[in-house]
N, C-alpha and C. Protein backbone atom coordinates (compact mmCIF):
# COMPACT_ATOMS: atom_id res chain seq x y z
N UNK A 1 -50.67 64.10 138.35
CA UNK A 1 -51.62 63.36 139.18
C UNK A 1 -53.03 63.41 138.61
N UNK A 2 -53.93 62.88 139.37
CA UNK A 2 -55.34 62.87 138.96
C UNK A 2 -55.97 64.23 139.16
N UNK A 3 -56.91 64.61 138.31
CA UNK A 3 -57.65 65.86 138.52
C UNK A 3 -58.40 65.80 139.86
N UNK A 4 -58.53 66.94 140.47
CA UNK A 4 -59.17 67.04 141.80
C UNK A 4 -60.56 66.39 141.82
N UNK A 5 -61.36 66.60 140.77
CA UNK A 5 -62.72 66.05 140.79
C UNK A 5 -62.70 64.52 140.75
N UNK A 6 -61.69 63.94 140.10
CA UNK A 6 -61.58 62.47 140.05
C UNK A 6 -61.18 61.95 141.43
N UNK A 7 -60.26 62.64 142.09
CA UNK A 7 -59.85 62.25 143.45
C UNK A 7 -61.05 62.32 144.39
N UNK A 8 -61.80 63.41 144.33
CA UNK A 8 -62.98 63.56 145.20
C UNK A 8 -64.00 62.47 144.91
N UNK A 9 -64.19 62.15 143.63
CA UNK A 9 -65.12 61.09 143.23
C UNK A 9 -64.68 59.75 143.83
N UNK A 10 -63.40 59.41 143.68
CA UNK A 10 -62.89 58.14 144.23
C UNK A 10 -63.07 58.10 145.75
N UNK A 11 -62.78 59.21 146.42
CA UNK A 11 -62.96 59.27 147.88
C UNK A 11 -64.42 59.06 148.26
N UNK A 12 -65.33 59.55 147.45
CA UNK A 12 -66.76 59.44 147.76
C UNK A 12 -67.26 58.00 147.67
N UNK A 13 -66.50 57.13 146.98
CA UNK A 13 -66.91 55.74 146.81
C UNK A 13 -66.55 54.87 148.02
N UNK A 14 -65.79 55.43 148.95
CA UNK A 14 -65.39 54.67 150.15
C UNK A 14 -64.82 53.30 149.80
N UNK A 15 -63.79 53.28 148.96
CA UNK A 15 -63.16 52.03 148.56
C UNK A 15 -62.54 51.34 149.78
N UNK A 16 -62.42 50.02 149.70
CA UNK A 16 -61.95 49.26 150.87
C UNK A 16 -60.48 49.49 151.19
N UNK A 17 -59.71 49.97 150.20
CA UNK A 17 -58.29 50.22 150.44
C UNK A 17 -57.99 51.66 150.10
N UNK A 18 -57.24 52.35 150.98
CA UNK A 18 -56.87 53.73 150.67
C UNK A 18 -55.95 53.77 149.45
N UNK A 19 -56.07 54.82 148.67
CA UNK A 19 -55.25 54.96 147.47
C UNK A 19 -54.00 55.74 147.86
N UNK A 20 -52.88 55.05 147.84
CA UNK A 20 -51.61 55.70 148.19
C UNK A 20 -50.77 55.94 146.93
N UNK A 21 -50.79 54.96 146.03
CA UNK A 21 -50.01 55.04 144.80
C UNK A 21 -50.92 54.57 143.67
N UNK A 22 -51.44 55.50 142.90
CA UNK A 22 -52.44 55.17 141.87
C UNK A 22 -51.93 54.08 140.93
N UNK A 23 -50.69 54.24 140.49
CA UNK A 23 -50.14 53.27 139.54
C UNK A 23 -50.15 51.85 140.11
N UNK A 24 -49.71 51.69 141.34
CA UNK A 24 -49.62 50.36 141.95
C UNK A 24 -50.97 49.88 142.47
N UNK A 25 -51.73 50.77 143.10
CA UNK A 25 -52.97 50.35 143.77
C UNK A 25 -54.05 49.86 142.81
N UNK A 26 -54.02 50.31 141.57
CA UNK A 26 -55.05 49.89 140.62
C UNK A 26 -54.59 48.80 139.66
N UNK A 27 -53.31 48.40 139.73
CA UNK A 27 -52.77 47.49 138.72
C UNK A 27 -53.38 46.10 138.74
N UNK A 28 -53.82 45.60 139.90
CA UNK A 28 -54.37 44.24 139.91
C UNK A 28 -55.86 44.21 139.55
N UNK A 29 -56.47 45.36 139.35
CA UNK A 29 -57.86 45.41 138.91
C UNK A 29 -58.89 45.36 140.03
N UNK A 30 -58.46 45.05 141.25
CA UNK A 30 -59.43 44.89 142.33
C UNK A 30 -60.17 46.20 142.61
N UNK A 31 -59.43 47.28 142.78
CA UNK A 31 -60.09 48.56 143.07
C UNK A 31 -60.88 49.07 141.87
N UNK A 32 -60.42 48.72 140.67
CA UNK A 32 -61.19 49.09 139.46
C UNK A 32 -62.54 48.37 139.51
N UNK A 33 -62.52 47.10 139.88
CA UNK A 33 -63.77 46.33 140.01
C UNK A 33 -64.66 46.96 141.07
N UNK A 34 -64.04 47.39 142.16
CA UNK A 34 -64.82 48.01 143.24
C UNK A 34 -65.50 49.30 142.76
N UNK A 35 -64.78 50.09 141.99
CA UNK A 35 -65.34 51.34 141.45
C UNK A 35 -66.56 51.02 140.58
N UNK A 36 -66.40 50.07 139.65
CA UNK A 36 -67.51 49.74 138.74
C UNK A 36 -68.65 49.04 139.48
N UNK A 37 -68.35 48.34 140.55
CA UNK A 37 -69.40 47.66 141.34
C UNK A 37 -70.37 48.67 141.95
N UNK A 38 -69.91 49.87 142.22
CA UNK A 38 -70.81 50.91 142.75
C UNK A 38 -71.92 51.23 141.75
N UNK A 39 -71.57 51.18 140.48
CA UNK A 39 -72.51 51.56 139.43
C UNK A 39 -73.22 50.37 138.79
N UNK A 40 -72.60 49.19 138.89
CA UNK A 40 -73.16 47.98 138.28
C UNK A 40 -73.15 46.84 139.31
N UNK A 41 -73.87 47.00 140.43
CA UNK A 41 -73.80 45.99 141.49
C UNK A 41 -74.28 44.60 141.05
N UNK A 42 -75.16 44.54 140.05
CA UNK A 42 -75.64 43.23 139.60
C UNK A 42 -74.61 42.52 138.72
N UNK A 43 -73.73 43.30 138.11
CA UNK A 43 -72.80 42.73 137.13
C UNK A 43 -71.41 42.45 137.67
N UNK A 44 -71.02 43.17 138.69
CA UNK A 44 -69.68 42.99 139.27
C UNK A 44 -69.85 42.35 140.64
N UNK A 45 -69.43 41.10 140.74
CA UNK A 45 -69.49 40.37 142.02
C UNK A 45 -68.09 40.43 142.63
N UNK A 46 -67.91 41.30 143.63
CA UNK A 46 -66.57 41.50 144.17
C UNK A 46 -65.95 40.24 144.75
N UNK A 47 -66.79 39.31 145.22
CA UNK A 47 -66.23 38.08 145.80
C UNK A 47 -65.48 37.26 144.76
N UNK A 48 -65.71 37.52 143.47
CA UNK A 48 -65.00 36.76 142.44
C UNK A 48 -63.69 37.43 142.02
N UNK A 49 -63.36 38.55 142.66
CA UNK A 49 -62.09 39.24 142.39
C UNK A 49 -61.16 39.02 143.58
N UNK A 50 -59.86 38.99 143.28
CA UNK A 50 -58.87 38.78 144.33
C UNK A 50 -57.98 40.00 144.43
N UNK A 51 -57.70 40.42 145.67
CA UNK A 51 -56.80 41.55 145.86
C UNK A 51 -55.42 41.00 146.18
N UNK A 52 -54.62 40.80 145.14
CA UNK A 52 -53.28 40.26 145.32
C UNK A 52 -52.36 40.81 144.25
N UNK A 53 -51.08 40.41 144.34
CA UNK A 53 -50.08 40.99 143.43
C UNK A 53 -49.58 40.02 142.37
N UNK A 54 -49.98 38.76 142.44
CA UNK A 54 -49.45 37.79 141.48
C UNK A 54 -49.98 38.07 140.08
N UNK A 55 -49.22 37.64 139.09
CA UNK A 55 -49.65 37.85 137.70
C UNK A 55 -50.95 37.08 137.43
N UNK A 56 -51.13 35.93 138.05
CA UNK A 56 -52.37 35.15 137.87
C UNK A 56 -53.57 35.93 138.41
N UNK A 57 -53.38 36.56 139.57
CA UNK A 57 -54.44 37.37 140.16
C UNK A 57 -54.80 38.52 139.23
N UNK A 58 -53.79 39.23 138.76
CA UNK A 58 -54.04 40.36 137.85
C UNK A 58 -54.78 39.89 136.60
N UNK A 59 -54.29 38.81 136.00
CA UNK A 59 -54.92 38.32 134.76
C UNK A 59 -56.37 37.92 134.99
N UNK A 60 -56.62 37.22 136.08
CA UNK A 60 -57.99 36.79 136.39
C UNK A 60 -58.92 37.96 136.59
N UNK A 61 -58.48 38.95 137.36
CA UNK A 61 -59.30 40.13 137.62
C UNK A 61 -59.57 40.91 136.33
N UNK A 62 -58.52 41.14 135.54
CA UNK A 62 -58.68 41.95 134.34
C UNK A 62 -59.48 41.22 133.26
N UNK A 63 -59.36 39.89 133.20
CA UNK A 63 -60.19 39.15 132.23
C UNK A 63 -61.67 39.36 132.55
N UNK A 64 -62.01 39.28 133.83
CA UNK A 64 -63.41 39.51 134.23
C UNK A 64 -63.83 40.95 133.89
N UNK A 65 -62.96 41.90 134.18
CA UNK A 65 -63.29 43.30 133.89
C UNK A 65 -63.45 43.54 132.40
N UNK A 66 -62.56 42.96 131.60
CA UNK A 66 -62.67 43.17 130.15
C UNK A 66 -63.96 42.57 129.59
N UNK A 67 -64.36 41.41 130.10
CA UNK A 67 -65.64 40.82 129.67
C UNK A 67 -66.79 41.76 130.04
N UNK A 68 -66.73 42.30 131.25
CA UNK A 68 -67.76 43.24 131.71
C UNK A 68 -67.78 44.50 130.84
N UNK A 69 -66.60 45.09 130.57
CA UNK A 69 -66.53 46.30 129.74
C UNK A 69 -67.14 46.03 128.37
N UNK A 70 -66.83 44.88 127.81
CA UNK A 70 -67.33 44.51 126.49
C UNK A 70 -68.85 44.34 126.52
N UNK A 71 -69.34 43.61 127.53
CA UNK A 71 -70.78 43.36 127.65
C UNK A 71 -71.56 44.66 127.79
N UNK A 72 -71.02 45.58 128.57
CA UNK A 72 -71.71 46.86 128.82
C UNK A 72 -71.37 47.92 127.76
N UNK A 73 -70.53 47.53 126.81
CA UNK A 73 -70.10 48.46 125.76
C UNK A 73 -69.44 49.71 126.34
N UNK A 74 -68.60 49.49 127.34
CA UNK A 74 -67.85 50.59 127.95
C UNK A 74 -66.51 50.69 127.21
N UNK A 75 -66.26 51.84 126.66
CA UNK A 75 -65.06 52.02 125.85
C UNK A 75 -63.86 52.36 126.73
N UNK A 76 -63.18 51.30 127.17
CA UNK A 76 -61.94 51.46 127.94
C UNK A 76 -60.83 50.94 127.02
N UNK A 77 -59.99 51.82 126.50
CA UNK A 77 -58.96 51.37 125.57
C UNK A 77 -58.05 50.29 126.14
N UNK A 78 -57.74 49.31 125.32
CA UNK A 78 -56.88 48.20 125.71
C UNK A 78 -55.52 48.69 126.23
N UNK A 79 -55.00 49.75 125.62
CA UNK A 79 -53.69 50.24 126.08
C UNK A 79 -53.75 50.82 127.49
N UNK A 80 -54.92 51.36 127.90
CA UNK A 80 -55.07 51.83 129.28
C UNK A 80 -55.02 50.63 130.23
N UNK A 81 -55.70 49.54 129.83
CA UNK A 81 -55.74 48.34 130.67
C UNK A 81 -54.34 47.74 130.77
N UNK A 82 -53.71 47.50 129.62
CA UNK A 82 -52.36 46.91 129.62
C UNK A 82 -51.39 47.77 130.42
N UNK A 83 -51.45 49.07 130.20
CA UNK A 83 -50.56 49.99 130.91
C UNK A 83 -50.79 49.96 132.42
N UNK A 84 -52.06 49.87 132.82
CA UNK A 84 -52.40 49.82 134.24
C UNK A 84 -51.88 48.52 134.86
N UNK A 85 -52.09 47.41 134.17
CA UNK A 85 -51.61 46.11 134.67
C UNK A 85 -50.10 46.15 134.89
N UNK A 86 -49.38 46.76 133.95
CA UNK A 86 -47.92 46.77 134.00
C UNK A 86 -47.35 48.03 134.66
N UNK A 87 -48.21 48.79 135.35
CA UNK A 87 -47.79 49.98 136.12
C UNK A 87 -47.06 51.02 135.26
N UNK A 88 -47.48 51.18 134.02
CA UNK A 88 -46.85 52.17 133.16
C UNK A 88 -47.27 53.57 133.60
N UNK A 89 -46.35 54.53 133.57
CA UNK A 89 -46.68 55.89 134.00
C UNK A 89 -47.86 56.46 133.23
N UNK A 90 -48.82 56.99 133.97
CA UNK A 90 -49.97 57.67 133.36
C UNK A 90 -51.12 56.76 132.96
N UNK A 91 -50.89 55.45 132.86
CA UNK A 91 -51.95 54.55 132.37
C UNK A 91 -53.12 54.45 133.33
N UNK A 92 -52.85 54.21 134.61
CA UNK A 92 -53.94 54.10 135.59
C UNK A 92 -54.69 55.43 135.69
N UNK A 93 -53.96 56.53 135.60
CA UNK A 93 -54.61 57.85 135.63
C UNK A 93 -55.58 57.99 134.46
N UNK A 94 -55.12 57.61 133.26
CA UNK A 94 -55.96 57.71 132.06
C UNK A 94 -57.18 56.80 132.21
N UNK A 95 -56.97 55.59 132.73
CA UNK A 95 -58.08 54.64 132.90
C UNK A 95 -59.10 55.19 133.91
N UNK A 96 -58.62 55.75 135.00
CA UNK A 96 -59.54 56.29 136.02
C UNK A 96 -60.29 57.52 135.51
N UNK A 97 -59.60 58.37 134.75
CA UNK A 97 -60.28 59.54 134.18
C UNK A 97 -61.35 59.10 133.19
N UNK A 98 -61.05 58.05 132.40
CA UNK A 98 -62.03 57.50 131.46
C UNK A 98 -63.22 56.92 132.22
N UNK A 99 -62.93 56.15 133.28
CA UNK A 99 -64.00 55.56 134.10
C UNK A 99 -64.86 56.66 134.70
N UNK A 100 -64.23 57.70 135.20
CA UNK A 100 -64.96 58.83 135.78
C UNK A 100 -65.92 59.42 134.76
N UNK A 101 -65.43 59.66 133.56
CA UNK A 101 -66.27 60.23 132.49
C UNK A 101 -67.43 59.30 132.16
N UNK A 102 -67.13 58.00 131.99
CA UNK A 102 -68.17 57.04 131.62
C UNK A 102 -69.21 56.88 132.73
N UNK A 103 -68.76 56.81 133.97
CA UNK A 103 -69.68 56.49 135.07
C UNK A 103 -70.45 57.68 135.59
N UNK A 104 -69.86 58.86 135.48
CA UNK A 104 -70.57 60.05 136.00
C UNK A 104 -71.19 60.85 134.86
N UNK A 105 -70.94 60.40 133.62
CA UNK A 105 -71.46 61.06 132.43
C UNK A 105 -71.06 62.52 132.37
N UNK A 106 -69.81 62.76 132.79
CA UNK A 106 -69.27 64.11 132.74
C UNK A 106 -68.36 64.21 131.53
N UNK A 107 -68.37 65.34 130.90
CA UNK A 107 -67.49 65.51 129.73
C UNK A 107 -66.40 66.49 130.08
């Protein structure tokens, strides 16, 4: 599972949806966008993201996120993104731990 400090961090963000299954809950990118919106409110417009399960929804959300990561020079490995989209074991955990490190500047 996720390290305790990452879980506490996610809880502190008061996300709109409770996290029940990390692998599934983060796969469409909506909650990932919500996490980054806390730190980059000018750059992430949540109204342009959709919280749904279709492949089109996932692709649209992740394309926006990848453009944002690139623009901000945030190093989120492509394999973490692909793995998260496809619910691969450990991928969403790795992506969230990376986001935690980048956003809280913790090593």
